[in-house]
Each structure stands twice: as C-alpha cells, then as structure tokens.
Amino acid sequence: MKSFSSPGACLIVALAAGCSFDASQLRALPDGAVENLSLPDAGATGGGGGSTISRPDAATTTGGSGGAPVCTPPGVPINVAAVTDPNDPTSGNIYVTWVPADSGSTPTGYTVLRGTSATGPFTAASTNQTPLKYTDLGTNLRVMNPNGTTYYYEVNASNAGGTCVSDNSTPAVSAVSCGSPTVPTGTKATAGISRVTVSWTASTNGPTSYQVKRGPGAGGPFESVGTVTASPYVDSSVNNGTAYYYVVVARNANGVCSSADSGVVSTAPRTCTVWSGNAVNVGHPGAIGSTNGICYVTCDTITNWGCANTDGRSITINGIPMACGATPIPAAKTAGYNVIDVTAGTNTQATIFWSTTAWGNTCSIPSGGLDF
C-alpha cells in the first residue's frame, strides 16, 4: 500500500477495495502548507514504491511550456550618441551609436527608439538592430516633420529572440535633421554710388533664405548685414571709397541648417559729382579738369550726348559703354537718374555734354545710393 500525508486539519481518505491505512500517520498541517506527496506509480494496483513531486525552488524558476530557464536581460547600452551626418550636411541623416553594457547577458539585438521630445513618447525606429550604429535617413525624417526638427533617441538591448529586454538608455540623446543647402556660387560684389550690390547663383537643396555677411578684410571677421530670399542684396550702409568684403550663406529651416560661407568678394563704392539745377552750365559740366577718373550724376532726361578731347577715355552711361556722339541713352538703373562714368586720361580739358528736354532738374544722391 502507498501512504501519504496532505495539507488540512485532518484527512479523510476513501480507500479502494483491499487498501488499508495506519491512522497514526495522520497529522494536522498548517493551512497553505505543502508537503511531499507519495503517489502510486503509474499503473500500480497496490503496494510498492512511489514518485515524489516537489514545488520548484525560486532560484531555478523555469518558464514557458517547455520549461526553458527564464533569461537574464542584457545590460542597458552605454555611450549612446546622436549626430547629424558630418560628411554630407545636405542629407539630414542622423547617426545613432552606442556601446554594449559590461553587465548582464550578451545581447543579440538592439531597438532604437525615436521621439520629438526629450521625455517622449518614443516609438521604434529600428528593431533587432545588430550593428552598433543606426542611420536615421533625412529623407524619411523630413516626411514626418519639417526640415530642422530635433529628434531624441533611446536604445535598449535584448536577447533570446527579443523576449529579454533591458531598460531604455537615459537620458535621451538628440540631433537635428538638417538638409543644408549647397554653398552659393558665382558670388559678385558690384560697386555703386553709396551702395554695394551683392549677387550670387542660387544654391540647390531648397534654400529658404540667404544671409549676406560683411567684413573689413578677406579673412573677416564677417558679420551679417542682411537676409533675403533670393539674389541680389543691396548694402547701402557703406562709405564711398572704402573696400568691403562679402560672403553669402544659404540657409534652411529659418537658419537652423546653413551652408558654409561662399567665396569672398570685394569692391568699394564710389563718390560721384552731382550735376543738377543751376550747376548745369549750357547743358554740360564743362572741362573735366582732371586726369583722374570721374563720375557724374544727373537727373536730367538725356536725349543725346557728346564729348570732346576725350584723350582715349572710356565713357559708361548707366553701366553701358558709350561711344561719343548723339547716341541714345539707355534707361537708367535707378528711375530719374543717369550715371556717367569717365575713366582716367591725360587731358584735363576733356569734356562731355548732353542734350535734354528739361534743363536744370535738381537732384541729389538718394539715401539708398545708386547703381551705375
């Protein structure tokens, strides 16, 4: 026969035919206690040996229907970092890197989580990642949010097919997804009268604005003088005769993403003599009186013009070279004004003159300067 004890204040046993028990073996056990049970062997009809079933020990807990040991999670990844692609600033790619922890079990994969706030929420950008680097493509990021958005990242490690997962790395690391425009090319600085006009060829990669910076020399330092959405930019906060140096920067996302500086260009605005009103003598300023180059400004409407004793000087009116004679004058760059530029020569008696339908108009250089 098999004998056994079981929990409870007392035990009532129903005996199969031919079985007996020793009542002296019955004893009270505390409620909730579990003691070894001696059960009949499979197929037994009576006495003989038995098997013992014990409660598993907590230190050797098994999991799953197959009884596989519950795994130990990997340690939390360390040295997590995020940086915008340094090799291609136009891409907007973000590189996320990390190092495995030196504690816990060996990880078999990583999950990179992304959010737009340092406190989340975070969603998986990549799962079961095995390399210790993840590239978050700028083309995808710009579809989700505007160019120049700051993204935050956390990383966790896992093993056993992803069933054992570490905590997320903290605090979240961040980088800005910026697709910077290309550097402006074809930059020019054109001198005017009390102004400089800076122009350039449009950049690629969708710039939203351009910043024009000015410095005292080719090596800078350069400081912003203005921002425009397209070429050109007119700088009228200048002094005639002073050389100015310029660079142009293409920008995206309100300046969050910017190109490198363009090449440096330089010029000096010029001073011109204004001939207007009673200063005009018989329709022309008379002899130039100098072998140096000179610039005239008039607000007369010129119908034709001429010159004498030019001594090989070149004459430009409103930026267009003109031969002496009754040549029609092209339209002024600034409405109501004509700018006449004469190069240096050897004859101080060289003269220029013009005809007009209205002599003696009075004018001065406008506050914003003039192009010529």
Protein backbone atom coordinates (compact mmCIF):
# COMPACT_ATOMS: atom_id res chain seq x y z
CA MET A 1 0.00 0.00 0.00
CA LYS A 2 1.00 3.65 -0.52
CA SER A 3 0.94 6.02 2.45
CA PHE A 4 0.92 9.83 2.21
CA SER A 5 0.24 12.98 4.12
CA SER A 6 -1.58 16.04 2.83
CA PRO A 7 -2.47 19.63 3.98
CA GLY A 8 -5.56 20.28 6.15
CA ALA A 9 -6.63 19.95 9.78
CA CYS A 10 -7.44 16.30 9.15
CA LEU A 11 -7.56 13.87 6.27
CA ILE A 12 -10.45 11.67 5.25
CA VAL A 13 -9.29 9.02 2.88
CA ALA A 14 -11.50 6.94 0.68
CA LEU A 15 -9.86 3.64 0.33
CA ALA A 16 -10.01 1.48 -2.69
CA ALA A 17 -11.06 -2.08 -2.10
CA GLY A 18 -8.36 -4.04 -0.38
CA CYS A 19 -6.46 -0.92 0.83
CA SER A 20 -5.79 0.00 4.40
CA PHE A 21 -4.03 2.82 6.23
CA ASP A 22 -2.40 3.47 9.53
CA ALA A 23 -4.39 6.25 11.23
CA SER A 24 -1.42 7.02 13.46
CA GLN A 25 0.27 8.50 10.39
CA LEU A 26 -2.35 11.23 10.00
CA ARG A 27 -1.36 14.60 11.40
CA ALA A 28 -2.52 18.18 11.12
CA LEU A 29 -0.61 20.61 8.89
CA PRO A 30 -0.86 24.41 8.81
CA ASP A 31 -3.26 25.81 6.27
CA GLY A 32 -1.49 26.61 2.98
CA ALA A 33 1.43 24.29 3.69
CA VAL A 34 2.58 21.91 1.03
CA GLU A 35 4.35 18.67 1.82
CA ASN A 36 5.76 15.91 -0.30
CA LEU A 37 3.14 13.60 -1.66
CA SER A 38 3.78 9.86 -2.14
CA LEU A 39 1.62 8.76 -5.02
CA PRO A 40 1.12 5.41 -6.68
CA ASP A 41 3.36 4.63 -9.58
CA ALA A 42 1.64 4.76 -12.92
CA GLY A 43 -0.35 1.58 -13.37
CA ALA A 44 0.14 0.42 -9.75
CA THR A 45 -2.69 -1.61 -8.18
CA GLY A 46 -1.33 -1.78 -4.73
CA GLY A 47 1.82 -1.56 -2.66
CA GLY A 48 5.28 -0.83 -3.94
CA GLY A 49 7.43 2.29 -4.36
CA GLY A 50 6.25 5.80 -5.43
CA SER A 51 7.37 9.05 -7.07
CA THR A 52 7.91 12.41 -5.32
CA ILE A 53 6.71 15.81 -6.78
CA SER A 54 8.24 18.90 -5.15
CA ARG A 55 7.50 22.71 -5.59
CA PRO A 56 10.21 24.23 -7.79
CA ASP A 57 12.79 26.29 -5.97
CA ALA A 58 12.53 30.09 -6.71
CA ALA A 59 16.17 30.29 -7.69
CA THR A 60 15.64 27.80 -10.51
CA THR A 61 12.33 29.03 -11.85
CA THR A 62 11.52 27.67 -15.26
CA GLY A 63 9.46 29.44 -17.84
CA GLY A 64 7.38 28.51 -20.85
CA SER A 65 5.62 25.27 -21.59
CA GLY A 66 8.95 23.68 -22.43
CA GLY A 67 10.43 24.54 -19.05
CA ALA A 68 13.25 26.65 -20.54
CA PRO A 69 15.07 28.81 -17.97
CA VAL A 70 13.91 32.44 -17.78
CA CYS A 71 16.73 34.50 -19.32
CA THR A 72 18.75 37.26 -17.73
CA PRO A 73 18.26 40.58 -19.65
CA PRO A 74 21.30 42.33 -21.13
CA GLY A 75 22.62 45.48 -19.50
CA VAL A 76 21.43 48.89 -20.68
CA PRO A 77 23.52 50.16 -23.65
CA ILE A 78 26.03 52.86 -22.73
CA ASN A 79 27.74 55.80 -24.51
CA VAL A 80 24.66 56.42 -26.65
CA ALA A 81 25.18 59.37 -29.03
CA ALA A 82 23.36 61.04 -31.93
CA VAL A 83 24.96 63.32 -34.54
CA THR A 84 23.93 64.83 -37.86
CA ASP A 85 25.85 63.34 -40.80
CA PRO A 86 29.17 65.26 -40.77
CA ASN A 87 30.20 64.02 -44.22
CA ASP A 88 27.10 65.16 -46.10
CA PRO A 89 25.38 68.17 -44.48
CA THR A 90 22.81 68.24 -47.29
CA SER A 91 21.43 64.80 -46.36
CA GLY A 92 19.86 65.50 -42.97
CA ASN A 93 20.82 61.95 -41.88
CA ILE A 94 21.27 61.31 -38.15
CA TYR A 95 23.74 58.69 -36.89
CA VAL A 96 22.90 56.94 -33.59
CA THR A 97 25.71 54.93 -31.97
CA TRP A 98 26.15 53.05 -28.69
CA VAL A 99 28.33 50.55 -26.81
CA PRO A 100 27.14 47.29 -25.17
CA ALA A 101 26.91 47.27 -21.38
CA ASP A 102 29.58 45.37 -19.46
CA SER A 103 26.92 43.72 -17.29
CA GLY A 104 24.00 41.37 -17.85
CA SER A 105 23.74 38.73 -20.52
CA THR A 106 25.09 39.01 -24.05
CA PRO A 107 22.65 40.93 -26.29
CA THR A 108 21.60 39.54 -29.64
CA GLY A 109 19.85 42.68 -30.91
CA TYR A 110 19.02 46.32 -30.18
CA THR A 111 15.99 48.56 -30.59
CA VAL A 112 16.47 52.25 -31.42
CA LEU A 113 13.59 54.40 -30.24
CA ARG A 114 12.84 57.88 -31.61
CA GLY A 115 10.80 60.84 -30.35
CA THR A 116 10.50 64.60 -30.85
CA SER A 117 10.70 65.39 -27.14
CA ALA A 118 13.32 64.53 -24.52
CA THR A 119 10.59 62.91 -22.43
CA GLY A 120 8.91 61.02 -25.27
CA PRO A 121 6.76 59.38 -26.32
CA PHE A 122 9.24 57.15 -28.14
CA THR A 123 8.49 54.70 -30.94
CA ALA A 124 10.77 52.13 -32.52
CA ALA A 125 12.81 53.47 -35.42
CA SER A 126 14.69 50.17 -35.81
CA THR A 127 14.24 46.77 -34.18
CA ASN A 128 16.51 43.74 -33.94
CA GLN A 129 19.42 46.01 -34.87
CA THR A 130 22.71 44.12 -34.73
CA PRO A 131 25.33 46.75 -35.75
CA LEU A 132 26.19 49.28 -33.05
CA LYS A 133 25.14 52.13 -35.34
CA TYR A 134 21.81 53.14 -36.84
CA THR A 135 21.35 55.68 -39.66
CA ASP A 136 18.08 57.58 -39.49
CA LEU A 137 17.64 58.84 -43.06
CA GLY A 138 16.95 62.53 -43.51
CA THR A 139 14.62 61.84 -46.44
CA ASN A 140 12.35 59.86 -44.10
CA LEU A 141 12.65 62.34 -41.25
CA ARG A 142 11.64 65.26 -43.47
CA VAL A 143 8.49 63.37 -44.50
CA MET A 144 7.47 63.07 -40.84
CA ASN A 145 8.43 66.58 -39.69
CA PRO A 146 9.84 69.85 -41.12
CA ASN A 147 13.47 70.17 -42.07
CA GLY A 148 15.41 71.22 -38.97
CA THR A 149 13.41 69.16 -36.43
CA THR A 150 15.28 67.96 -33.34
CA TYR A 151 14.93 64.20 -32.77
CA TYR A 152 15.61 62.36 -29.49
CA TYR A 153 16.82 58.76 -29.19
CA GLU A 154 16.99 55.94 -26.64
CA VAL A 155 18.35 52.41 -27.15
CA ASN A 156 17.64 49.09 -25.41
CA ALA A 157 19.23 45.65 -25.76
CA SER A 158 17.57 42.23 -25.96
CA ASN A 159 18.35 38.52 -26.30
CA ALA A 160 16.53 35.17 -26.53
CA GLY A 161 14.71 36.29 -29.63
CA GLY A 162 13.72 39.60 -28.09
CA THR A 163 11.95 38.13 -25.04
CA CYS A 164 14.53 39.51 -22.57
CA VAL A 165 14.84 43.29 -22.88
CA SER A 166 16.95 45.78 -20.95
CA ASP A 167 15.70 49.15 -19.79
CA ASN A 168 16.00 52.04 -22.24
CA SER A 169 19.14 54.15 -22.15
CA THR A 170 18.65 57.52 -20.44
CA PRO A 171 18.74 60.43 -20.75
CA ALA A 172 17.67 60.64 -24.39
CA VAL A 173 20.27 61.97 -26.81
CA SER A 174 19.36 64.35 -29.62
CA ALA A 175 20.40 65.69 -33.03
CA VAL A 176 18.83 67.99 -35.62
CA SER A 177 17.83 66.58 -39.00
CA CYS A 178 19.02 69.34 -41.31
CA GLY A 179 19.29 69.12 -45.06
CA SER A 180 21.60 72.08 -45.55
CA PRO A 181 21.68 73.87 -48.92
CA THR A 182 24.79 73.79 -51.08
CA VAL A 183 27.29 76.64 -50.85
CA PRO A 184 26.32 79.65 -53.05
CA THR A 185 28.46 80.07 -56.16
CA GLY A 186 29.03 82.88 -58.66
CA THR A 187 29.16 85.47 -55.90
CA LYS A 188 29.82 89.05 -57.04
CA ALA A 189 30.09 92.43 -55.33
CA THR A 190 29.27 95.36 -57.66
CA ALA A 191 30.14 98.89 -56.61
CA GLY A 192 27.55 101.59 -56.88
CA ILE A 193 27.36 105.12 -55.54
CA SER A 194 26.98 104.88 -51.78
CA ARG A 195 25.98 101.22 -52.15
CA VAL A 196 27.27 97.74 -52.98
CA THR A 197 25.13 95.14 -54.73
CA VAL A 198 25.97 91.52 -53.81
CA SER A 199 24.69 88.81 -56.14
CA TRP A 200 25.08 85.02 -56.45
CA THR A 201 23.82 81.88 -58.17
CA ALA A 202 21.01 80.11 -56.33
CA SER A 203 22.01 77.11 -54.20
CA THR A 204 20.48 73.65 -54.50
CA ASN A 205 18.73 71.53 -51.84
CA GLY A 206 15.91 74.01 -51.36
CA PRO A 207 17.31 77.04 -49.52
CA THR A 208 14.67 79.25 -47.92
CA SER A 209 16.89 82.29 -47.39
CA TYR A 210 20.38 83.72 -47.86
CA GLN A 211 22.45 85.56 -45.30
CA VAL A 212 24.91 88.19 -46.56
CA LYS A 213 27.88 88.83 -44.27
CA ARG A 214 30.43 91.64 -44.50
CA GLY A 215 33.93 92.03 -43.14
CA PRO A 216 36.82 94.51 -43.16
CA GLY A 217 39.20 92.15 -44.94
CA ALA A 218 39.41 88.91 -46.90
CA GLY A 219 39.90 86.95 -43.69
CA GLY A 220 36.95 88.52 -41.88
CA PRO A 221 35.61 88.55 -39.27
CA PHE A 222 32.28 88.54 -41.13
CA GLU A 223 29.05 89.78 -39.58
CA SER A 224 25.54 89.60 -41.00
CA VAL A 225 24.29 92.73 -42.77
CA GLY A 226 21.04 91.27 -44.08
CA THR A 227 18.96 88.24 -45.06
CA VAL A 228 16.95 87.89 -48.29
CA THR A 229 15.08 85.08 -50.01
CA ALA A 230 16.93 85.46 -53.33
CA SER A 231 19.79 87.28 -55.05
CA PRO A 232 20.71 90.16 -55.03
CA TYR A 233 21.25 92.03 -51.79
CA VAL A 234 21.89 95.81 -51.76
CA ASP A 235 24.14 97.08 -48.96
CA SER A 236 23.66 100.81 -48.57
CA SER A 237 25.26 101.13 -45.11
CA VAL A 238 28.66 101.82 -46.67
CA ASN A 239 31.10 104.69 -47.11
CA ASN A 240 32.31 105.67 -50.56
CA GLY A 241 35.93 104.85 -51.23
CA THR A 242 36.11 102.10 -48.58
CA ALA A 243 36.69 98.48 -49.62
CA TYR A 244 34.20 95.94 -48.27
CA TYR A 245 34.44 92.13 -48.28
CA TYR A 246 31.41 89.84 -48.53
CA VAL A 247 30.43 86.17 -48.20
CA VAL A 248 26.99 84.60 -48.68
CA VAL A 249 25.44 81.70 -46.73
CA ALA A 250 22.46 79.65 -47.93
CA ARG A 251 20.01 78.68 -45.17
CA ASN A 252 17.17 76.25 -44.48
CA ALA A 253 14.67 75.96 -41.62
CA ASN A 254 15.00 79.62 -40.57
CA GLY A 255 18.75 79.31 -40.33
CA VAL A 256 18.85 76.06 -38.35
CA CYS A 257 20.55 74.44 -41.36
CA SER A 258 23.12 76.55 -43.19
CA SER A 259 25.75 76.04 -45.85
CA ALA A 260 29.36 77.02 -45.44
CA ASP A 261 30.39 80.53 -46.48
CA SER A 262 30.73 81.29 -50.17
CA GLY A 263 33.99 82.57 -51.61
CA VAL A 264 34.97 86.11 -50.57
CA VAL A 265 34.26 89.00 -52.97
CA SER A 266 35.17 92.67 -52.57
CA THR A 267 34.57 96.13 -54.00
CA ALA A 268 34.49 99.78 -52.94
CA PRO A 269 31.52 102.10 -53.59
CA ARG A 270 32.36 105.32 -55.42
CA THR A 271 31.70 109.02 -54.99
CA CYS A 272 30.09 110.90 -57.89
CA THR A 273 29.69 114.59 -58.62
CA VAL A 274 26.07 115.61 -58.92
CA TRP A 275 25.22 117.98 -61.82
CA SER A 276 21.74 119.32 -61.43
CA GLY A 277 19.74 122.53 -61.33
CA ASN A 278 21.76 125.69 -61.80
CA ALA A 279 25.01 123.73 -61.61
CA VAL A 280 24.46 122.68 -65.20
CA ASN A 281 26.20 125.18 -67.46
CA VAL A 282 24.90 125.38 -71.01
CA GLY A 283 23.93 121.75 -70.92
CA HIS A 284 27.24 120.25 -69.85
CA PRO A 285 29.65 120.30 -66.89
CA GLY A 286 32.49 121.77 -68.97
CA ALA A 287 36.02 120.50 -68.83
CA ILE A 288 36.60 117.53 -66.62
CA GLY A 289 39.57 119.35 -65.14
CA SER A 290 41.42 116.25 -64.02
CA THR A 291 43.35 113.37 -65.45
CA ASN A 292 41.73 111.09 -62.86
CA GLY A 293 38.57 109.15 -63.48
CA ILE A 294 35.37 110.90 -62.54
CA CYS A 295 31.73 110.08 -62.10
CA TYR A 296 28.76 112.36 -62.75
CA VAL A 297 25.17 112.00 -61.69
CA THR A 298 22.33 113.94 -63.29
CA CYS A 299 18.58 113.75 -63.03
CA ASP A 300 18.15 115.29 -66.47
CA THR A 301 16.37 113.22 -69.08
CA ILE A 302 19.18 112.87 -71.63
CA THR A 303 18.12 112.78 -75.26
CA ASN A 304 21.64 112.67 -76.75
CA TRP A 305 25.14 113.39 -75.66
CA GLY A 306 28.64 114.14 -76.93
CA CYS A 307 32.22 114.61 -75.85
CA ALA A 308 35.42 116.36 -76.88
CA ASN A 309 39.15 115.94 -76.27
CA THR A 310 38.49 112.60 -74.64
CA ASP A 311 42.15 111.50 -74.92
CA GLY A 312 41.12 107.86 -75.22
CA ARG A 313 38.97 107.88 -72.09
CA SER A 314 36.19 105.34 -71.87
CA ILE A 315 32.75 106.58 -71.02
CA THR A 316 29.98 104.47 -69.50
CA ILE A 317 26.45 105.68 -69.03
CA ASN A 318 24.21 103.70 -66.70
CA GLY A 319 26.62 100.78 -66.83
CA ILE A 320 26.80 100.56 -70.65
CA PRO A 321 29.94 101.65 -72.58
CA MET A 322 29.06 104.50 -74.97
CA ALA A 323 30.95 105.99 -77.89
CA CYS A 324 30.97 109.76 -78.31
CA GLY A 325 28.19 111.17 -80.44
CA ALA A 326 24.48 111.55 -80.49
CA THR A 327 23.85 108.11 -79.10
CA PRO A 328 20.54 107.44 -77.42
CA ILE A 329 20.91 106.95 -73.69
CA PRO A 330 19.67 103.64 -72.26
CA ALA A 331 17.18 103.61 -69.44
CA ALA A 332 18.65 104.46 -66.05
CA LYS A 333 19.20 101.72 -63.49
CA THR A 334 17.50 103.94 -60.94
CA ALA A 335 14.49 105.75 -62.35
CA GLY A 336 15.02 109.50 -62.75
CA TYR A 337 18.83 109.33 -62.58
CA ASN A 338 21.64 108.89 -65.09
CA VAL A 339 25.13 107.92 -64.01
CA ILE A 340 28.03 108.88 -66.29
CA ASP A 341 31.39 107.30 -65.53
CA VAL A 342 34.58 108.53 -67.20
CA THR A 343 37.92 106.72 -66.88
CA ALA A 344 41.28 108.45 -66.24
CA GLY A 345 43.24 110.11 -69.04
CA THR A 346 45.99 112.65 -69.69
CA ASN A 347 43.93 115.61 -70.92
CA THR A 348 42.36 117.78 -68.22
CA GLN A 349 40.33 119.63 -70.87
CA ALA A 350 38.30 116.61 -71.88
CA THR A 351 34.62 117.47 -71.89
CA ILE A 352 31.29 115.69 -72.09
CA PHE A 353 27.88 117.23 -72.72
CA TRP A 354 24.33 116.16 -73.25
CA SER A 355 21.04 117.44 -74.56
CA THR A 356 17.80 117.24 -72.65
CA THR A 357 14.23 118.37 -72.91
CA ALA A 358 14.32 119.81 -69.41
CA TRP A 359 17.45 121.59 -68.20
CA GLY A 360 18.16 122.31 -64.61
CA ASN A 361 16.35 119.47 -62.84
CA THR A 362 17.50 119.44 -59.22
CA CYS A 363 18.54 116.19 -57.54
CA SER A 364 20.94 114.58 -55.07
CA ILE A 365 22.19 111.07 -54.38
CA PRO A 366 19.27 109.16 -52.79
CA SER A 367 19.79 107.70 -49.32
CA GLY A 368 19.93 104.16 -50.67
CA GLY A 369 22.63 105.02 -53.22
CA LEU A 370 22.67 104.38 -56.96
CA ASP A 371 23.88 101.67 -59.29
CA PHE A 372 25.84 102.57 -62.39
